[in-house]
Amino acid sequence: MELSHQQKEDTYIEVQFKASDDSREFVEEHEPQLKKISTTKSGEVIYSIQVFQPEWIIRSAISESLQIQVPENLRVAIRDRCTTALENYAMIG
């Protein structure tokens, strides 16, 4: 069954993230999909992006140093994933 255009839009979530110099490559690669929301006093830019697969932005945030602002459940998922990874490294040592 094919989803209508409206149904496809309804499946996206809006993610806001803070970009620093470390996330420059991600911003350049995805610039057409990004909407600039604001700039912090320290010069970091807050962007918005529509995301279909939350797992993709979670992995991108971890690997590209994105600081997710909204939604909170993604921030929690990232924190939990990083905590688990650190615990796994502690077992190795």
Protein backbone atom coordinates (compact mmCIF):
# COMPACT_ATOMS: atom_id res chain seq x y z
CA MET A 1 0.00 0.00 0.00
CA GLU A 2 1.41 3.36 -1.08
CA LEU A 3 1.39 6.23 1.44
CA SER A 4 -0.13 9.53 0.36
CA HIS A 5 2.03 12.67 0.38
CA GLN A 6 0.30 13.86 3.58
CA GLN A 7 0.82 10.50 5.29
CA LYS A 8 4.51 10.62 4.38
CA GLU A 9 4.83 14.12 5.85
CA ASP A 10 3.06 12.97 9.01
CA THR A 11 5.70 10.27 9.55
CA TYR A 12 8.54 12.81 9.79
CA ILE A 13 9.66 14.34 13.06
CA GLU A 14 11.28 17.73 13.43
CA VAL A 15 14.67 17.62 15.09
CA GLN A 16 16.49 20.72 16.27
CA PHE A 17 20.21 20.53 16.87
CA LYS A 18 23.09 22.79 17.71
CA ALA A 19 25.96 22.67 15.25
CA SER A 20 29.54 23.44 16.19
CA ASP A 21 32.74 23.47 14.14
CA ASP A 22 32.99 19.70 14.67
CA SER A 23 29.71 19.16 12.80
CA ARG A 24 30.60 21.29 9.77
CA GLU A 25 30.68 18.29 7.38
CA PHE A 26 27.18 17.19 8.40
CA VAL A 27 25.82 20.71 7.89
CA GLU A 28 27.46 21.05 4.47
CA GLU A 29 26.25 17.63 3.33
CA HIS A 30 22.65 18.18 4.45
CA GLU A 31 22.37 21.94 3.89
CA PRO A 32 19.40 21.70 1.46
CA GLN A 33 17.34 19.93 4.15
CA LEU A 34 18.31 22.25 7.01
CA LYS A 35 16.45 25.28 8.28
CA LYS A 36 18.42 27.76 10.37
CA ILE A 37 16.53 28.51 13.60
CA SER A 38 18.92 30.79 15.50
CA THR A 39 22.51 31.47 16.48
CA THR A 40 23.80 31.26 20.05
CA LYS A 41 25.92 33.98 21.68
CA SER A 42 28.96 31.73 21.21
CA GLY A 43 28.30 31.52 17.45
CA GLU A 44 26.85 28.02 17.29
CA VAL A 45 23.92 27.67 14.92
CA ILE A 46 20.71 25.85 15.79
CA TYR A 47 19.17 24.06 12.83
CA SER A 48 15.97 22.15 12.22
CA ILE A 49 15.70 19.07 10.00
CA GLN A 50 12.80 16.78 9.17
CA VAL A 51 13.76 13.18 9.96
CA PHE A 52 12.05 10.01 8.79
CA GLN A 53 14.22 7.53 10.68
CA PRO A 54 15.12 8.55 14.24
CA GLU A 55 17.93 5.96 14.29
CA TRP A 56 19.69 7.87 11.50
CA ILE A 57 19.79 11.15 13.43
CA ILE A 58 20.83 9.36 16.64
CA ARG A 59 23.83 7.82 14.87
CA SER A 60 24.59 11.10 13.10
CA ALA A 61 24.46 13.03 16.36
CA ILE A 62 26.94 10.67 17.97
CA SER A 63 29.36 10.51 15.04
CA GLU A 64 29.07 14.14 13.88
CA SER A 65 28.98 15.91 17.29
CA LEU A 66 25.45 17.25 16.88
CA GLN A 67 23.83 18.48 20.07
CA ILE A 68 20.16 17.54 19.79
CA GLN A 69 17.90 20.16 21.38
CA VAL A 70 14.44 18.82 20.46
CA PRO A 71 12.82 16.30 20.85
CA GLU A 72 13.81 15.24 24.33
CA ASN A 73 13.32 11.51 23.67
CA LEU A 74 16.14 11.61 21.09
CA ARG A 75 18.43 13.33 23.59
CA VAL A 76 17.70 10.55 26.07
CA ALA A 77 18.29 7.86 23.43
CA ILE A 78 21.67 9.38 22.56
CA ARG A 79 22.70 9.65 26.21
CA ASP A 80 21.67 6.04 26.83
CA ARG A 81 23.50 4.79 23.72
CA CYS A 82 26.70 6.62 24.71
CA THR A 83 26.47 5.38 28.30
CA THR A 84 26.12 1.80 27.08
CA ALA A 85 29.08 2.20 24.75
CA LEU A 86 31.26 3.55 27.56
CA GLU A 87 30.19 0.71 29.85
CA ASN A 88 31.15 -1.78 27.15
CA TYR A 89 34.63 -0.24 26.89
CA ALA A 90 34.98 -0.42 30.68
CA MET A 91 34.39 -4.20 30.49
CA ILE A 92 37.24 -4.58 28.02
CA GLY A 93 39.81 -2.89 30.27
